[in-house]
PDB file of N, CA and C in Angstrom:
ATOM      1  N   MET A   1     -42.383  -6.108 121.488  1.00  0.00           N
ATOM      2  CA  MET A   1     -41.607  -5.282 120.586  1.00  0.00           C
ATOM      3  C   MET A   1     -40.925  -6.159 119.549  1.00  0.00           C
ATOM      4  N   LEU A   2     -41.539  -6.287 118.432  1.00  0.00           N
ATOM      5  CA  LEU A   2     -41.071  -7.172 117.395  1.00  0.00           C
ATOM      6  C   LEU A   2     -39.778  -6.675 116.751  1.00  0.00           C
ATOM      7  N   TYR A   3     -39.747  -5.423 116.354  1.00  0.00           N
ATOM      8  CA  TYR A   3     -38.591  -4.865 115.664  1.00  0.00           C
ATOM      9  C   TYR A   3     -37.954  -3.716 116.430  1.00  0.00           C
ATOM     10  N   THR A   4     -38.328  -3.519 117.667  1.00  0.00           N
ATOM     11  CA  THR A   4     -37.979  -2.307 118.386  1.00  0.00           C
ATOM     12  C   THR A   4     -37.237  -2.615 119.676  1.00  0.00           C
ATOM     13  N   GLN A   5     -36.243  -1.789 119.957  1.00  0.00           N
ATOM     14  CA  GLN A   5     -35.507  -1.849 121.213  1.00  0.00           C
ATOM     15  C   GLN A   5     -35.840  -0.582 121.999  1.00  0.00           C
ATOM     16  N   PRO A   6     -35.718  -0.615 123.317  1.00  0.00           N
ATOM     17  CA  PRO A   6     -35.996   0.597 124.095  1.00  0.00           C
ATOM     18  C   PRO A   6     -34.881   1.628 123.975  1.00  0.00           C
ATOM     19  N   LEU A   7     -35.245   2.865 124.073  1.00  0.00           N
ATOM     20  CA  LEU A   7     -34.310   3.987 124.098  1.00  0.00           C
ATOM     21  C   LEU A   7     -34.214   4.417 125.554  1.00  0.00           C
ATOM     22  N   ASN A   8     -33.081   4.165 126.214  1.00  0.00           N
ATOM     23  CA  ASN A   8     -32.981   4.317 127.650  1.00  0.00           C
ATOM     24  C   ASN A   8     -32.129   5.488 128.123  1.00  0.00           C
ATOM     25  N   HIS A   9     -31.099   5.820 127.412  1.00  0.00           N
ATOM     26  CA  HIS A   9     -30.106   6.758 127.920  1.00  0.00           C
ATOM     27  C   HIS A   9     -30.541   8.207 127.740  1.00  0.00           C
ATOM     28  N   ASN A  10     -30.248   9.014 128.734  1.00  0.00           N
ATOM     29  CA  ASN A  10     -30.609  10.424 128.711  1.00  0.00           C
ATOM     30  C   ASN A  10     -29.931  11.145 127.552  1.00  0.00           C
ATOM     31  N   ARG A  11     -28.710  10.770 127.221  1.00  0.00           N
ATOM     32  CA  ARG A  11     -28.008  11.430 126.120  1.00  0.00           C
ATOM     33  C   ARG A  11     -28.733  11.215 124.796  1.00  0.00           C
ATOM     34  N   ASP A  12     -29.371  10.060 124.626  1.00  0.00           N
ATOM     35  CA  ASP A  12     -30.132   9.797 123.401  1.00  0.00           C
ATOM     36  C   ASP A  12     -31.373  10.684 123.328  1.00  0.00           C
ATOM     37  N   PHE A  13     -32.055  10.842 124.459  1.00  0.00           N
ATOM     38  CA  PHE A  13     -33.225  11.712 124.481  1.00  0.00           C
ATOM     39  C   PHE A  13     -32.827  13.161 124.207  1.00  0.00           C
ATOM     40  N   CYS A  14     -31.752  13.627 124.818  1.00  0.00           N
ATOM     41  CA  CYS A  14     -31.294  15.002 124.599  1.00  0.00           C
ATOM     42  C   CYS A  14     -30.894  15.225 123.144  1.00  0.00           C
ATOM     43  N   ARG A  15     -30.244  14.229 122.540  1.00  0.00           N
ATOM     44  CA  ARG A  15     -29.869  14.324 121.125  1.00  0.00           C
ATOM     45  C   ARG A  15     -31.115  14.401 120.247  1.00  0.00           C
ATOM     46  N   MET A  16     -32.129  13.623 120.581  1.00  0.00           N
ATOM     47  CA  MET A  16     -33.368  13.639 119.807  1.00  0.00           C
ATOM     48  C   MET A  16     -34.058  15.001 119.913  1.00  0.00           C
ATOM     49  N   TYR A  17     -34.111  15.556 121.128  1.00  0.00           N
ATOM     50  CA  TYR A  17     -34.772  16.845 121.317  1.00  0.00           C
ATOM     51  C   TYR A  17     -34.050  17.964 120.579  1.00  0.00           C
ATOM     52  N   SER A  18     -32.730  17.877 120.485  1.00  0.00           N
ATOM     53  CA  SER A  18     -31.988  18.974 119.856  1.00  0.00           C
ATOM     54  C   SER A  18     -31.840  18.807 118.349  1.00  0.00           C
ATOM     55  N   ARG A  19     -31.652  17.581 117.865  1.00  0.00           N
ATOM     56  CA  ARG A  19     -31.364  17.380 116.441  1.00  0.00           C
ATOM     57  C   ARG A  19     -32.448  16.663 115.652  1.00  0.00           C
ATOM     58  N   GLY A  20     -33.398  16.040 116.332  1.00  0.00           N
ATOM     59  CA  GLY A  20     -34.407  15.259 115.631  1.00  0.00           C
ATOM     60  C   GLY A  20     -35.488  16.119 114.998  1.00  0.00           C
ATOM     61  N   LYS A  21     -36.142  15.559 113.980  1.00  0.00           N
ATOM     62  CA  LYS A  21     -37.294  16.220 113.377  1.00  0.00           C
ATOM     63  C   LYS A  21     -38.496  15.959 114.273  1.00  0.00           C
ATOM     64  N   SER A  22     -39.402  16.929 114.363  1.00  0.00           N
ATOM     65  CA  SER A  22     -40.524  16.752 115.280  1.00  0.00           C
ATOM     66  C   SER A  22     -41.816  17.280 114.685  1.00  0.00           C
ATOM     67  N   LEU A  23     -42.902  16.727 115.185  1.00  0.00           N
ATOM     68  CA  LEU A  23     -44.249  17.201 114.886  1.00  0.00           C
ATOM     69  C   LEU A  23     -45.052  17.168 116.179  1.00  0.00           C
ATOM     70  N   ALA A  24     -45.936  18.140 116.350  1.00  0.00           N
ATOM     71  CA  ALA A  24     -46.737  18.218 117.565  1.00  0.00           C
ATOM     72  C   ALA A  24     -48.221  18.155 117.231  1.00  0.00           C
ATOM     73  N   HIS A  25     -48.977  17.590 118.146  1.00  0.00           N
ATOM     74  CA  HIS A  25     -50.425  17.463 118.079  1.00  0.00           C
ATOM     75  C   HIS A  25     -50.918  17.562 119.515  1.00  0.00           C
ATOM     76  N   PRO A  26     -52.170  17.960 119.756  1.00  0.00           N
ATOM     77  CA  PRO A  26     -52.643  18.025 121.143  1.00  0.00           C
ATOM     78  C   PRO A  26     -52.574  16.703 121.904  1.00  0.00           C
ATOM     79  N   LEU A  27     -52.495  15.572 121.206  1.00  0.00           N
ATOM     80  CA  LEU A  27     -52.400  14.274 121.875  1.00  0.00           C
ATOM     81  C   LEU A  27     -50.983  13.741 121.976  1.00  0.00           C
ATOM     82  N   LEU A  28     -50.083  14.180 121.095  1.00  0.00           N
ATOM     83  CA  LEU A  28     -48.786  13.522 120.987  1.00  0.00           C
ATOM     84  C   LEU A  28     -47.766  14.435 120.314  1.00  0.00           C
ATOM     85  N   VAL A  29     -46.522  14.344 120.769  1.00  0.00           N
ATOM     86  CA  VAL A  29     -45.394  14.984 120.089  1.00  0.00           C
ATOM     87  C   VAL A  29     -44.453  13.862 119.668  1.00  0.00           C
ATOM     88  N   THR A  30     -44.011  13.893 118.409  1.00  0.00           N
ATOM     89  CA  THR A  30     -43.161  12.849 117.866  1.00  0.00           C
ATOM     90  C   THR A  30     -41.824  13.437 117.440  1.00  0.00           C
ATOM     91  N   TYR A  31     -40.734  12.830 117.893  1.00  0.00           N
ATOM     92  CA  TYR A  31     -39.372  13.176 117.473  1.00  0.00           C
ATOM     93  C   TYR A  31     -38.794  11.966 116.761  1.00  0.00           C
ATOM     94  N   VAL A  32     -38.154  12.196 115.609  1.00  0.00           N
ATOM     95  CA  VAL A  32     -37.586  11.100 114.817  1.00  0.00           C
ATOM     96  C   VAL A  32     -36.218  11.499 114.305  1.00  0.00           C
ATOM     97  N   MET A  33     -35.321  10.515 114.289  1.00  0.00           N
ATOM     98  CA  MET A  33     -34.004  10.697 113.709  1.00  0.00           C
ATOM     99  C   MET A  33     -33.489   9.330 113.245  1.00  0.00           C
ATOM    100  N   LYS A  34     -32.807   9.305 112.131  1.00  0.00           N
ATOM    101  CA  LYS A  34     -32.240   8.045 111.646  1.00  0.00           C
ATOM    102  C   LYS A  34     -31.104   7.606 112.554  1.00  0.00           C
ATOM    103  N   ASN A  35     -31.007   6.294 112.748  1.00  0.00           N
ATOM    104  CA  ASN A  35     -29.842   5.745 113.440  1.00  0.00           C
ATOM    105  C   ASN A  35     -29.119   4.813 112.482  1.00  0.00           C
ATOM    106  N   LYS A  36     -27.959   4.360 112.846  1.00  0.00           N
ATOM    107  CA  LYS A  36     -27.177   3.501 111.959  1.00  0.00           C
ATOM    108  C   LYS A  36     -27.326   2.040 112.330  1.00  0.00           C
ATOM    109  N   LEU A  37     -28.412   1.721 112.987  1.00  0.00           N
ATOM    110  CA  LEU A  37     -28.691   0.345 113.399  1.00  0.00           C
ATOM    111  C   LEU A  37     -29.743  -0.244 112.458  1.00  0.00           C
ATOM    112  N   GLY A  38     -29.931  -1.508 112.495  1.00  0.00           N
ATOM    113  CA  GLY A  38     -30.911  -2.155 111.629  1.00  0.00           C
ATOM    114  C   GLY A  38     -32.275  -2.294 112.265  1.00  0.00           C
ATOM    115  N   TYR A  39     -32.506  -1.585 113.361  1.00  0.00           N
ATOM    116  CA  TYR A  39     -33.782  -1.697 114.060  1.00  0.00           C
ATOM    117  C   TYR A  39     -34.155  -0.332 114.635  1.00  0.00           C
ATOM    118  N   ASN A  40     -35.409  -0.199 115.013  1.00  0.00           N
ATOM    119  CA  ASN A  40     -35.889   1.031 115.628  1.00  0.00           C
ATOM    120  C   ASN A  40     -35.634   1.007 117.126  1.00  0.00           C
ATOM    121  N   ARG A  41     -35.474   2.202 117.677  1.00  0.00           N
ATOM    122  CA  ARG A  41     -35.400   2.353 119.124  1.00  0.00           C
ATOM    123  C   ARG A  41     -36.503   3.327 119.527  1.00  0.00           C
ATOM    124  N   LEU A  42     -37.259   2.966 120.548  1.00  0.00           N
ATOM    125  CA  LEU A  42     -38.418   3.746 120.962  1.00  0.00           C
ATOM    126  C   LEU A  42     -38.249   4.251 122.378  1.00  0.00           C
ATOM    127  N   GLY A  43     -38.542   5.518 122.578  1.00  0.00           N
ATOM    128  CA  GLY A  43     -38.589   6.113 123.904  1.00  0.00           C
ATOM    129  C   GLY A  43     -39.923   6.816 124.090  1.00  0.00           C
ATOM    130  N   ILE A  44     -40.544   6.608 125.237  1.00  0.00           N
ATOM    131  CA  ILE A  44     -41.834   7.231 125.544  1.00  0.00           C
ATOM    132  C   ILE A  44     -41.669   8.024 126.828  1.00  0.00           C
ATOM    133  N   THR A  45     -42.085   9.291 126.809  1.00  0.00           N
ATOM    134  CA  THR A  45     -41.972  10.118 127.999  1.00  0.00           C
ATOM    135  C   THR A  45     -43.326  10.740 128.336  1.00  0.00           C
ATOM    136  N   ALA A  46     -43.521  10.929 129.626  1.00  0.00           N
ATOM    137  CA  ALA A  46     -44.700  11.627 130.140  1.00  0.00           C
ATOM    138  C   ALA A  46     -44.239  12.429 131.352  1.00  0.00           C
ATOM    139  N   SER A  47     -44.327  13.726 131.265  1.00  0.00           N
ATOM    140  CA  SER A  47     -43.822  14.574 132.352  1.00  0.00           C
ATOM    141  C   SER A  47     -44.842  14.653 133.483  1.00  0.00           C
ATOM    142  N   LYS A  48     -44.437  15.270 134.562  1.00  0.00           N
ATOM    143  CA  LYS A  48     -45.330  15.424 135.711  1.00  0.00           C
ATOM    144  C   LYS A  48     -46.469  16.395 135.433  1.00  0.00           C
ATOM    145  N   LYS A  49     -46.372  17.151 134.346  1.00  0.00           N
ATOM    146  CA  LYS A  49     -47.482  18.017 133.948  1.00  0.00           C
ATOM    147  C   LYS A  49     -48.716  17.205 133.570  1.00  0.00           C
ATOM    148  N   ILE A  50     -48.523  15.967 133.165  1.00  0.00           N
ATOM    149  CA  ILE A  50     -49.623  15.091 132.769  1.00  0.00           C
ATOM    150  C   ILE A  50     -50.510  14.785 133.969  1.00  0.00           C
ATOM    151  N   GLY A  51     -49.903  14.570 135.124  1.00  0.00           N
ATOM    152  CA  GLY A  51     -50.672  14.242 136.315  1.00  0.00           C
ATOM    153  C   GLY A  51     -49.875  13.321 137.217  1.00  0.00           C
ATOM    154  N   ASN A  52     -50.587  12.597 138.065  1.00  0.00           N
ATOM    155  CA  ASN A  52     -49.909  11.696 138.988  1.00  0.00           C
ATOM    156  C   ASN A  52     -49.405  10.450 138.261  1.00  0.00           C
ATOM    157  N   ALA A  53     -48.806   9.539 138.989  1.00  0.00           N
ATOM    158  CA  ALA A  53     -48.165   8.363 138.389  1.00  0.00           C
ATOM    159  C   ALA A  53     -49.161   7.494 137.628  1.00  0.00           C
ATOM    160  N   VAL A  54     -50.372   7.387 138.130  1.00  0.00           N
ATOM    161  CA  VAL A  54     -51.382   6.575 137.460  1.00  0.00           C
ATOM    162  C   VAL A  54     -51.689   7.139 136.080  1.00  0.00           C
ATOM    163  N   LYS A  55     -51.849   8.446 135.976  1.00  0.00           N
ATOM    164  CA  LYS A  55     -52.156   9.091 134.690  1.00  0.00           C
ATOM    165  C   LYS A  55     -50.967   9.006 133.740  1.00  0.00           C
ATOM    166  N   ARG A  56     -49.759   9.200 134.265  1.00  0.00           N
ATOM    167  CA  ARG A  56     -48.572   9.106 133.403  1.00  0.00           C
ATOM    168  C   ARG A  56     -48.405   7.696 132.858  1.00  0.00           C
ATOM    169  N   ASN A  57     -48.607   6.680 133.685  1.00  0.00           N
ATOM    170  CA  ASN A  57     -48.494   5.299 133.216  1.00  0.00           C
ATOM    171  C   ASN A  57     -49.570   4.971 132.197  1.00  0.00           C
ATOM    172  N   ARG A  58     -50.777   5.471 132.392  1.00  0.00           N
ATOM    173  CA  ARG A  58     -51.842   5.254 131.410  1.00  0.00           C
ATOM    174  C   ARG A  58     -51.470   5.893 130.075  1.00  0.00           C
ATOM    175  N   ALA A  59     -50.940   7.106 130.112  1.00  0.00           N
ATOM    176  CA  ALA A  59     -50.532   7.788 128.884  1.00  0.00           C
ATOM    177  C   ALA A  59     -49.461   6.973 128.158  1.00  0.00           C
ATOM    178  N   ARG A  60     -48.487   6.459 128.903  1.00  0.00           N
ATOM    179  CA  ARG A  60     -47.437   5.643 128.280  1.00  0.00           C
ATOM    180  C   ARG A  60     -48.005   4.350 127.699  1.00  0.00           C
ATOM    181  N   ARG A  61     -48.942   3.719 128.388  1.00  0.00           N
ATOM    182  CA  ARG A  61     -49.564   2.495 127.873  1.00  0.00           C
ATOM    183  C   ARG A  61     -50.334   2.755 126.591  1.00  0.00           C
ATOM    184  N   ILE A  62     -51.065   3.852 126.540  1.00  0.00           N
ATOM    185  CA  ILE A  62     -51.839   4.207 125.346  1.00  0.00           C
ATOM    186  C   ILE A  62     -50.908   4.449 124.170  1.00  0.00           C
ATOM    187  N   ILE A  63     -49.837   5.190 124.393  1.00  0.00           N
ATOM    188  CA  ILE A  63     -48.878   5.481 123.323  1.00  0.00           C
ATOM    189  C   ILE A  63     -48.198   4.192 122.860  1.00  0.00           C
ATOM    190  N   ARG A  64     -47.792   3.350 123.787  1.00  0.00           N
ATOM    191  CA  ARG A  64     -47.130   2.086 123.452  1.00  0.00           C
ATOM    192  C   ARG A  64     -48.042   1.201 122.604  1.00  0.00           C
ATOM    193  N   GLN A  65     -49.320   1.129 122.948  1.00  0.00           N
ATOM    194  CA  GLN A  65     -50.260   0.310 122.192  1.00  0.00           C
ATOM    195  C   GLN A  65     -50.451   0.840 120.777  1.00  0.00           C
ATOM    196  N   ALA A  66     -50.556   2.154 120.625  1.00  0.00           N
ATOM    197  CA  ALA A  66     -50.679   2.751 119.294  1.00  0.00           C
ATOM    198  C   ALA A  66     -49.438   2.462 118.458  1.00  0.00           C
ATOM    199  N   TYR A  67     -48.269   2.495 119.087  1.00  0.00           N
ATOM    200  CA  TYR A  67     -47.037   2.181 118.364  1.00  0.00           C
ATOM    201  C   TYR A  67     -47.024   0.716 117.924  1.00  0.00           C
ATOM    202  N   PHE A  68     -47.401  -0.201 118.810  1.00  0.00           N
ATOM    203  CA  PHE A  68     -47.377  -1.625 118.482  1.00  0.00           C
ATOM    204  C   PHE A  68     -48.338  -1.962 117.355  1.00  0.00           C
ATOM    205  N   GLN A  69     -49.445  -1.247 117.251  1.00  0.00           N
ATOM    206  CA  GLN A  69     -50.398  -1.514 116.179  1.00  0.00           C
ATOM    207  C   GLN A  69     -49.859  -1.129 114.816  1.00  0.00           C
ATOM    208  N   THR A  70     -48.889  -0.213 114.770  1.00  0.00           N
ATOM    209  CA  THR A  70     -48.341   0.242 113.492  1.00  0.00           C
ATOM    210  C   THR A  70     -46.899  -0.198 113.271  1.00  0.00           C
ATOM    211  N   GLU A  71     -46.362  -0.987 114.167  1.00  0.00           N
ATOM    212  CA  GLU A  71     -44.938  -1.314 114.126  1.00  0.00           C
ATOM    213  C   GLU A  71     -44.518  -1.984 112.824  1.00  0.00           C
ATOM    214  N   LYS A  72     -45.333  -2.866 112.277  1.00  0.00           N
ATOM    215  CA  LYS A  72     -44.967  -3.587 111.052  1.00  0.00           C
ATOM    216  C   LYS A  72     -44.974  -2.677 109.826  1.00  0.00           C
ATOM    217  N   GLN A  73     -45.650  -1.538 109.914  1.00  0.00           N
ATOM    218  CA  GLN A  73     -45.743  -0.625 108.783  1.00  0.00           C
ATOM    219  C   GLN A  73     -44.630   0.416 108.774  1.00  0.00           C
ATOM    220  N   LEU A  74     -43.830   0.460 109.833  1.00  0.00           N
ATOM    221  CA  LEU A  74     -42.781   1.464 109.943  1.00  0.00           C
ATOM    222  C   LEU A  74     -41.484   0.969 109.318  1.00  0.00           C
ATOM    223  N   GLY A  75     -40.664   1.913 108.871  1.00  0.00           N
ATOM    224  CA  GLY A  75     -39.352   1.575 108.364  1.00  0.00           C
ATOM    225  C   GLY A  75     -38.408   1.228 109.499  1.00  0.00           C
ATOM    226  N   CYS A  76     -37.269   0.640 109.164  1.00  0.00           N
ATOM    227  CA  CYS A  76     -36.282   0.256 110.176  1.00  0.00           C
ATOM    228  C   CYS A  76     -35.133   1.261 110.188  1.00  0.00           C
ATOM    229  N   GLY A  77     -34.474   1.358 111.326  1.00  0.00           N
ATOM    230  CA  GLY A  77     -33.307   2.221 111.447  1.00  0.00           C
ATOM    231  C   GLY A  77     -33.626   3.614 111.925  1.00  0.00           C
ATOM    232  N   TYR A  78     -34.613   3.770 112.808  1.00  0.00           N
ATOM    233  CA  TYR A  78     -34.988   5.088 113.320  1.00  0.00           C
ATOM    234  C   TYR A  78     -34.997   5.093 114.840  1.00  0.00           C
ATOM    235  N   ASP A  79     -34.632   6.235 115.399  1.00  0.00           N
ATOM    236  CA  ASP A  79     -34.851   6.507 116.810  1.00  0.00           C
ATOM    237  C   ASP A  79     -36.128   7.329 116.893  1.00  0.00           C
ATOM    238  N   ILE A  80     -37.057   6.903 117.734  1.00  0.00           N
ATOM    239  CA  ILE A  80     -38.356   7.553 117.846  1.00  0.00           C
ATOM    240  C   ILE A  80     -38.606   7.870 119.315  1.00  0.00           C
ATOM    241  N   VAL A  81     -38.947   9.117 119.591  1.00  0.00           N
ATOM    242  CA  VAL A  81     -39.345   9.522 120.942  1.00  0.00           C
ATOM    243  C   VAL A  81     -40.762  10.060 120.848  1.00  0.00           C
ATOM    244  N   LEU A  82     -41.652   9.503 121.645  1.00  0.00           N
ATOM    245  CA  LEU A  82     -43.045   9.921 121.689  1.00  0.00           C
ATOM    246  C   LEU A  82     -43.305  10.550 123.049  1.00  0.00           C
ATOM    247  N   VAL A  83     -43.815  11.777 123.036  1.00  0.00           N
ATOM    248  CA  VAL A  83     -44.036  12.535 124.259  1.00  0.00           C
ATOM    249  C   VAL A  83     -45.540  12.697 124.462  1.00  0.00           C
ATOM    250  N   ALA A  84     -46.013  12.320 125.649  1.00  0.00           N
ATOM    251  CA  ALA A  84     -47.426  12.450 125.983  1.00  0.00           C
ATOM    252  C   ALA A  84     -47.775  13.911 126.249  1.00  0.00           C
ATOM    253  N   ARG A  85     -48.974  14.300 125.869  1.00  0.00           N
ATOM    254  CA  ARG A  85     -49.492  15.638 126.153  1.00  0.00           C
ATOM    255  C   ARG A  85     -50.622  15.514 127.171  1.00  0.00           C
ATOM    256  N   GLY A  86     -51.200  16.622 127.560  1.00  0.00           N
ATOM    257  CA  GLY A  86     -52.237  16.633 128.578  1.00  0.00           C
ATOM    258  C   GLY A  86     -53.480  15.846 128.209  1.00  0.00           C
ATOM    259  N   ARG A  87     -53.862  15.865 126.944  1.00  0.00           N
ATOM    260  CA  ARG A  87     -55.070  15.164 126.505  1.00  0.00           C
ATOM    261  C   ARG A  87     -54.858  13.676 126.267  1.00  0.00           C
ATOM    262  N   THR A  88     -53.636  13.229 126.280  1.00  0.00           N
ATOM    263  CA  THR A  88     -53.349  11.820 125.997  1.00  0.00           C
ATOM    264  C   THR A  88     -54.019  10.902 127.007  1.00  0.00           C
ATOM    265  N   VAL A  89     -54.101  11.325 128.236  1.00  0.00           N
ATOM    266  CA  VAL A  89     -54.690  10.500 129.296  1.00  0.00           C
ATOM    267  C   VAL A  89     -56.159  10.234 129.020  1.00  0.00           C
ATOM    268  N   LEU A  90     -56.847  11.179 128.412  1.00  0.00           N
ATOM    269  CA  LEU A  90     -58.274  11.048 128.149  1.00  0.00           C
ATOM    270  C   LEU A  90     -58.577  10.276 126.874  1.00  0.00           C
ATOM    271  N   ALA A  91     -57.571  10.026 126.048  1.00  0.00           N
ATOM    272  CA  ALA A  91     -57.772   9.372 124.758  1.00  0.00           C
ATOM    273  C   ALA A  91     -57.628   7.860 124.880  1.00  0.00           C
ATOM    274  N   LYS A  92     -58.014   7.174 123.814  1.00  0.00           N
ATOM    275  CA  LYS A  92     -57.806   5.738 123.692  1.00  0.00           C
ATOM    276  C   LYS A  92     -56.739   5.521 122.630  1.00  0.00           C
ATOM    277  N   SER A  93     -56.201   4.311 122.573  1.00  0.00           N
ATOM    278  CA  SER A  93     -55.160   4.037 121.581  1.00  0.00           C
ATOM    279  C   SER A  93     -55.710   4.150 120.165  1.00  0.00           C
ATOM    280  N   THR A  94     -56.997   3.875 119.976  1.00  0.00           N
ATOM    281  CA  THR A  94     -57.595   4.021 118.646  1.00  0.00           C
ATOM    282  C   THR A  94     -57.715   5.484 118.243  1.00  0.00           C
ATOM    283  N   ASP A  95     -57.804   6.395 119.214  1.00  0.00           N
ATOM    284  CA  ASP A  95     -57.801   7.831 118.912  1.00  0.00           C
ATOM    285  C   ASP A  95     -56.399   8.307 118.556  1.00  0.00           C
ATOM    286  N   LEU A  96     -55.410   7.685 119.157  1.00  0.00           N
ATOM    287  CA  LEU A  96     -54.015   8.080 118.957  1.00  0.00           C
ATOM    288  C   LEU A  96     -53.423   7.501 117.671  1.00  0.00           C
ATOM    289  N   LEU A  97     -53.991   6.419 117.189  1.00  0.00           N
ATOM    290  CA  LEU A  97     -53.460   5.725 116.018  1.00  0.00           C
ATOM    291  C   LEU A  97     -53.390   6.607 114.771  1.00  0.00           C
ATOM    292  N   PRO A  98     -54.470   7.305 114.367  1.00  0.00           N
ATOM    293  CA  PRO A  98     -54.342   8.163 113.169  1.00  0.00           C
ATOM    294  C   PRO A  98     -53.355   9.310 113.347  1.00  0.00           C
ATOM    295  N   VAL A  99     -53.225   9.806 114.564  1.00  0.00           N
ATOM    296  CA  VAL A  99     -52.255  10.878 114.826  1.00  0.00           C
ATOM    297  C   VAL A  99     -50.843  10.361 114.610  1.00  0.00           C
ATOM    298  N   PHE A 100     -50.552   9.187 115.168  1.00  0.00           N
ATOM    299  CA  PHE A 100     -49.212   8.616 115.015  1.00  0.00           C
ATOM    300  C   PHE A 100     -48.922   8.275 113.552  1.00  0.00           C
ATOM    301  N   LEU A 101     -49.903   7.731 112.838  1.00  0.00           N
ATOM    302  CA  LEU A 101     -49.690   7.407 111.423  1.00  0.00           C
ATOM    303  C   LEU A 101     -49.451   8.661 110.585  1.00  0.00           C
ATOM    304  N   SER A 102     -50.170   9.740 110.871  1.00  0.00           N
ATOM    305  CA  SER A 102     -49.938  10.969 110.108  1.00  0.00           C
ATOM    306  C   SER A 102     -48.562  11.553 110.411  1.00  0.00           C
ATOM    307  N   HIS A 103     -48.115  11.459 111.677  1.00  0.00           N
ATOM    308  CA  HIS A 103     -46.762  11.907 112.009  1.00  0.00           C
ATOM    309  C   HIS A 103     -45.722  11.051 111.291  1.00  0.00           C
ATOM    310  N   ALA A 104     -45.948   9.740 111.265  1.00  0.00           N
ATOM    311  CA  ALA A 104     -45.004   8.846 110.591  1.00  0.00           C
ATOM    312  C   ALA A 104     -44.917   9.155 109.104  1.00  0.00           C
ATOM    313  N   LYS A 105     -46.041   9.445 108.499  1.00  0.00           N
ATOM    314  CA  LYS A 105     -46.054   9.752 107.073  1.00  0.00           C
ATOM    315  C   LYS A 105     -45.368  11.087 106.785  1.00  0.00           C
ATOM    316  N   LYS A 106     -45.660  12.098 107.595  1.00  0.00           N
ATOM    317  CA  LYS A 106     -45.072  13.426 107.377  1.00  0.00           C
ATOM    318  C   LYS A 106     -43.577  13.453 107.667  1.00  0.00           C
ATOM    319  N   LEU A 107     -43.151  12.691 108.677  1.00  0.00           N
ATOM    320  CA  LEU A 107     -41.730  12.679 109.036  1.00  0.00           C
ATOM    321  C   LEU A 107     -40.929  11.680 108.215  1.00  0.00           C
ATOM    322  N   GLY A 108     -41.596  10.830 107.439  1.00  0.00           N
ATOM    323  CA  GLY A 108     -40.909   9.972 106.482  1.00  0.00           C
ATOM    324  C   GLY A 108     -40.384   8.663 107.021  1.00  0.00           C
ATOM    325  N   PHE A 109     -40.931   8.139 108.106  1.00  0.00           N
ATOM    326  CA  PHE A 109     -40.482   6.843 108.565  1.00  0.00           C
ATOM    327  C   PHE A 109     -41.547   5.764 108.446  1.00  0.00           C
ATOM    328  N   LEU A 110     -42.561   6.027 107.617  1.00  0.00           N
ATOM    329  CA  LEU A 110     -43.583   5.031 107.303  1.00  0.00           C
ATOM    330  C   LEU A 110     -43.103   4.265 106.077  1.00  0.00           C
ATOM    331  N   ALA A 111     -42.938   2.954 106.196  1.00  0.00           N
ATOM    332  CA  ALA A 111     -42.355   2.158 105.122  1.00  0.00           C
ATOM    333  C   ALA A 111     -43.365   1.888 104.010  1.00  0.00           C
ATOM    334  N   GLN A 112     -44.577   1.543 104.368  1.00  0.00           N
ATOM    335  CA  GLN A 112     -45.578   1.179 103.391  1.00  0.00           C
ATOM    336  C   GLN A 112     -46.550   2.349 103.208  1.00  0.00           C
ATOM    337  N   ASN A 113     -46.987   2.548 101.972  1.00  0.00           N
ATOM    338  CA  ASN A 113     -47.988   3.586 101.734  1.00  0.00           C
ATOM    339  C   ASN A 113     -49.359   3.038 102.103  1.00  0.00           C
ATOM    340  N   ILE A 114     -49.942   3.612 103.131  1.00  0.00           N
ATOM    341  CA  ILE A 114     -51.265   3.206 103.564  1.00  0.00           C
ATOM    342  C   ILE A 114     -52.129   4.448 103.657  1.00  0.00           C
ATOM    343  N   THR A 115     -53.425   4.250 103.606  1.00  0.00           N
ATOM    344  CA  THR A 115     -54.327   5.376 103.743  1.00  0.00           C
ATOM    345  C   THR A 115     -54.680   5.576 105.203  1.00  0.00           C
ATOM    346  N   ILE A 116     -54.792   6.821 105.557  1.00  0.00           N
ATOM    347  CA  ILE A 116     -55.091   7.161 106.956  1.00  0.00           C
ATOM    348  C   ILE A 116     -56.550   7.541 107.087  1.00  0.00           C
TER     349      ILE A 116
END
């Protein structure tokens, strides 16, 4: 995590769910909100609806890898929560990458203009 700190506290997740901007896709749900820090904070969740622990951990690994591939292109000062969906387990990080980039562009936390 070059520019990113983990988002750990339940109150932060609840604040993101209630006040953050969000976009949904069959592979991923993204919540974003500006913070007053000079760095991003990332939280990744996978509920028990995804499957057993092995499937949930795989979903989190796939999402984390997609985030790391785009981390240098993102703006600083955002809280980001990425929620795994049912199809995330079946996807690869390369399948998730365009979804995450389109969410970043639509929600306005993509720093550099790149083509998707």
